[in-house]
N, C-alpha and C. Protein backbone atom coordinates (compact mmCIF):
# COMPACT_ATOMS: atom_id res chain seq x y z
N MET A 1 -24.97 -7.18 14.75
CA MET A 1 -23.57 -6.89 14.52
C MET A 1 -22.81 -7.15 15.80
N GLY A 2 -21.84 -8.04 15.74
CA GLY A 2 -21.03 -8.36 16.90
C GLY A 2 -19.90 -7.35 17.06
N PRO A 3 -19.17 -7.46 18.17
CA PRO A 3 -18.10 -6.49 18.43
C PRO A 3 -16.98 -6.53 17.39
N ALA A 4 -16.81 -7.66 16.72
CA ALA A 4 -15.73 -7.76 15.73
C ALA A 4 -16.26 -7.80 14.30
N ASP A 5 -17.48 -7.32 14.09
CA ASP A 5 -18.06 -7.33 12.75
C ASP A 5 -17.58 -6.12 11.97
N LEU A 6 -16.36 -6.20 11.51
CA LEU A 6 -15.76 -5.07 10.81
C LEU A 6 -16.29 -4.91 9.40
N HIS A 7 -16.79 -6.01 8.81
CA HIS A 7 -17.36 -5.91 7.46
C HIS A 7 -18.56 -4.98 7.44
N THR A 8 -19.45 -5.13 8.42
CA THR A 8 -20.65 -4.29 8.49
C THR A 8 -20.27 -2.84 8.78
N SER A 9 -19.34 -2.65 9.70
CA SER A 9 -18.90 -1.28 10.02
C SER A 9 -18.26 -0.62 8.81
N ALA A 10 -17.44 -1.36 8.09
CA ALA A 10 -16.80 -0.81 6.89
C ALA A 10 -17.84 -0.46 5.84
N ALA A 11 -18.85 -1.30 5.70
CA ALA A 11 -19.91 -1.03 4.73
C ALA A 11 -20.66 0.25 5.10
N HIS A 12 -20.89 0.47 6.39
CA HIS A 12 -21.57 1.70 6.83
C HIS A 12 -20.71 2.92 6.49
N ILE A 13 -19.42 2.83 6.73
CA ILE A 13 -18.53 3.95 6.41
C ILE A 13 -18.51 4.20 4.91
N ARG A 14 -18.38 3.13 4.13
CA ARG A 14 -18.36 3.26 2.66
C ARG A 14 -19.66 3.90 2.16
N ASP A 15 -20.79 3.42 2.66
CA ASP A 15 -22.09 3.96 2.24
C ASP A 15 -22.23 5.43 2.63
N ALA A 16 -21.80 5.77 3.84
CA ALA A 16 -21.90 7.16 4.30
C ALA A 16 -21.02 8.08 3.44
N PHE A 17 -19.83 7.61 3.10
CA PHE A 17 -18.94 8.43 2.28
C PHE A 17 -19.50 8.61 0.87
N GLU A 18 -20.07 7.56 0.31
CA GLU A 18 -20.70 7.67 -1.01
C GLU A 18 -21.89 8.63 -0.95
N GLU A 19 -22.66 8.56 0.13
CA GLU A 19 -23.80 9.47 0.29
C GLU A 19 -23.31 10.92 0.41
N LEU A 20 -22.23 11.14 1.14
CA LEU A 20 -21.65 12.47 1.26
C LEU A 20 -21.20 12.99 -0.10
N GLN A 21 -20.54 12.14 -0.88
CA GLN A 21 -20.08 12.55 -2.20
C GLN A 21 -21.26 12.91 -3.11
N THR A 22 -22.32 12.13 -3.04
CA THR A 22 -23.51 12.40 -3.85
C THR A 22 -24.15 13.72 -3.42
N ALA A 23 -24.25 13.93 -2.11
CA ALA A 23 -24.85 15.17 -1.60
C ALA A 23 -24.00 16.37 -2.00
N TRP A 24 -22.68 16.23 -1.95
CA TRP A 24 -21.82 17.34 -2.34
C TRP A 24 -21.95 17.63 -3.83
N LEU A 25 -22.04 16.60 -4.64
CA LEU A 25 -22.21 16.79 -6.07
C LEU A 25 -23.48 17.59 -6.34
N ASP A 26 -24.56 17.25 -5.64
CA ASP A 26 -25.82 17.97 -5.79
C ASP A 26 -25.68 19.41 -5.29
N ALA A 27 -25.10 19.59 -4.11
CA ALA A 27 -24.95 20.93 -3.54
C ALA A 27 -24.06 21.80 -4.40
N SER A 28 -23.01 21.22 -4.96
CA SER A 28 -22.06 22.02 -5.74
C SER A 28 -22.67 22.51 -7.06
N GLN A 29 -23.78 21.92 -7.47
CA GLN A 29 -24.48 22.42 -8.65
C GLN A 29 -25.13 23.78 -8.37
N HIS A 30 -25.42 24.03 -7.09
CA HIS A 30 -26.12 25.26 -6.69
C HIS A 30 -25.21 26.22 -5.92
N TRP A 31 -24.14 25.69 -5.36
CA TRP A 31 -23.24 26.49 -4.53
C TRP A 31 -21.85 26.36 -5.13
N ASN A 32 -21.48 27.34 -5.94
CA ASN A 32 -20.21 27.27 -6.65
C ASN A 32 -19.53 28.63 -6.59
N ASP A 33 -18.87 28.88 -5.47
CA ASP A 33 -18.13 30.12 -5.31
C ASP A 33 -16.83 29.80 -4.57
N GLY A 34 -16.12 30.83 -4.19
CA GLY A 34 -14.85 30.63 -3.51
C GLY A 34 -14.98 29.89 -2.20
N VAL A 35 -16.05 30.17 -1.48
CA VAL A 35 -16.27 29.51 -0.19
C VAL A 35 -16.53 28.02 -0.40
N SER A 36 -17.34 27.69 -1.40
CA SER A 36 -17.62 26.27 -1.65
C SER A 36 -16.36 25.53 -2.09
N ARG A 37 -15.56 26.17 -2.93
CA ARG A 37 -14.31 25.54 -3.36
C ARG A 37 -13.36 25.35 -2.18
N SER A 38 -13.29 26.35 -1.32
CA SER A 38 -12.45 26.24 -0.12
C SER A 38 -12.94 25.12 0.79
N PHE A 39 -14.26 25.04 0.97
CA PHE A 39 -14.84 23.97 1.80
C PHE A 39 -14.48 22.61 1.22
N CYS A 40 -14.61 22.48 -0.07
CA CYS A 40 -14.30 21.21 -0.73
C CYS A 40 -12.82 20.87 -0.56
N GLU A 41 -11.95 21.82 -0.84
CA GLU A 41 -10.51 21.58 -0.76
C GLU A 41 -10.05 21.28 0.66
N ASN A 42 -10.61 22.00 1.64
CA ASN A 42 -10.13 21.88 3.02
C ASN A 42 -10.81 20.78 3.83
N HIS A 43 -12.01 20.38 3.43
CA HIS A 43 -12.76 19.43 4.25
C HIS A 43 -13.14 18.15 3.52
N LEU A 44 -13.58 18.26 2.28
CA LEU A 44 -14.06 17.06 1.59
C LEU A 44 -12.95 16.29 0.89
N GLU A 45 -12.11 16.97 0.14
CA GLU A 45 -11.06 16.27 -0.60
C GLU A 45 -10.12 15.48 0.31
N PRO A 46 -9.74 16.01 1.49
CA PRO A 46 -8.86 15.22 2.37
C PRO A 46 -9.52 13.95 2.90
N LEU A 47 -10.84 13.87 2.87
CA LEU A 47 -11.52 12.69 3.40
C LEU A 47 -11.30 11.44 2.55
N GLY A 48 -11.19 11.60 1.25
CA GLY A 48 -11.05 10.45 0.36
C GLY A 48 -9.92 9.51 0.76
N PRO A 49 -8.68 10.02 0.84
CA PRO A 49 -7.58 9.15 1.23
C PRO A 49 -7.71 8.60 2.65
N VAL A 50 -8.27 9.39 3.55
CA VAL A 50 -8.43 8.94 4.93
C VAL A 50 -9.45 7.80 5.01
N VAL A 51 -10.55 7.96 4.29
CA VAL A 51 -11.58 6.91 4.28
C VAL A 51 -11.01 5.64 3.63
N LYS A 52 -10.27 5.79 2.54
CA LYS A 52 -9.67 4.62 1.89
C LYS A 52 -8.71 3.91 2.84
N LEU A 53 -7.88 4.67 3.52
CA LEU A 53 -6.94 4.08 4.47
C LEU A 53 -7.68 3.36 5.59
N ALA A 54 -8.74 3.97 6.10
CA ALA A 54 -9.52 3.35 7.17
C ALA A 54 -10.16 2.05 6.69
N LEU A 55 -10.75 2.07 5.50
CA LEU A 55 -11.39 0.86 4.98
C LEU A 55 -10.38 -0.24 4.70
N ASP A 56 -9.22 0.13 4.17
CA ASP A 56 -8.16 -0.87 3.95
C ASP A 56 -7.70 -1.47 5.27
N SER A 57 -7.54 -0.62 6.28
CA SER A 57 -7.11 -1.09 7.60
C SER A 57 -8.16 -2.00 8.22
N MET A 58 -9.41 -1.64 8.07
CA MET A 58 -10.49 -2.47 8.62
C MET A 58 -10.53 -3.82 7.92
N SER A 59 -10.27 -3.83 6.64
CA SER A 59 -10.26 -5.09 5.90
C SER A 59 -9.13 -6.00 6.40
N ARG A 60 -7.95 -5.41 6.57
CA ARG A 60 -6.83 -6.20 7.09
C ARG A 60 -7.12 -6.70 8.50
N MET A 61 -7.68 -5.84 9.33
CA MET A 61 -8.01 -6.23 10.71
C MET A 61 -9.05 -7.33 10.72
N SER A 62 -10.02 -7.24 9.85
CA SER A 62 -11.05 -8.27 9.77
C SER A 62 -10.44 -9.62 9.42
N GLY A 63 -9.50 -9.62 8.49
CA GLY A 63 -8.81 -10.85 8.13
C GLY A 63 -8.05 -11.43 9.32
N LEU A 64 -7.42 -10.57 10.08
CA LEU A 64 -6.69 -11.03 11.26
C LEU A 64 -7.63 -11.58 12.33
N VAL A 65 -8.75 -10.92 12.53
CA VAL A 65 -9.73 -11.40 13.52
C VAL A 65 -10.29 -12.74 13.08
N ASP A 66 -10.60 -12.88 11.80
CA ASP A 66 -11.09 -14.17 11.29
C ASP A 66 -10.05 -15.27 11.50
N GLN A 67 -8.80 -14.96 11.21
CA GLN A 67 -7.72 -15.93 11.41
C GLN A 67 -7.61 -16.30 12.89
N MET A 68 -7.71 -15.32 13.76
CA MET A 68 -7.64 -15.56 15.19
C MET A 68 -8.75 -16.51 15.64
N HIS A 69 -9.95 -16.26 15.15
CA HIS A 69 -11.09 -17.13 15.49
C HIS A 69 -10.84 -18.56 15.03
N ARG A 70 -10.36 -18.71 13.79
CA ARG A 70 -10.08 -20.06 13.27
C ARG A 70 -9.02 -20.77 14.11
N GLU A 71 -7.97 -20.04 14.46
CA GLU A 71 -6.90 -20.65 15.24
C GLU A 71 -7.35 -21.01 16.66
N CYS A 72 -8.24 -20.21 17.22
CA CYS A 72 -8.74 -20.51 18.57
C CYS A 72 -9.69 -21.70 18.57
N GLU A 73 -10.37 -21.93 17.45
CA GLU A 73 -11.32 -23.04 17.36
C GLU A 73 -10.62 -24.37 17.09
N SER A 74 -9.41 -24.34 16.59
CA SER A 74 -8.74 -25.61 16.26
C SER A 74 -7.87 -26.11 17.39
């Protein structure tokens, strides 16, 4: 992975977030009380939009880096 390999980094973030969601789904089957709901509302639910924004930004940045490389090579 090179310094500008944003595709790989984004894939790692996406995979980690999916793994977190799967783990939470499993945990919430056994831990379902006020504390678990509070944890989900305060810590897990806010992550979704933040992760999406980060992945979208990384995708745009990757496109710009690719364009920069093409322009520098020509």
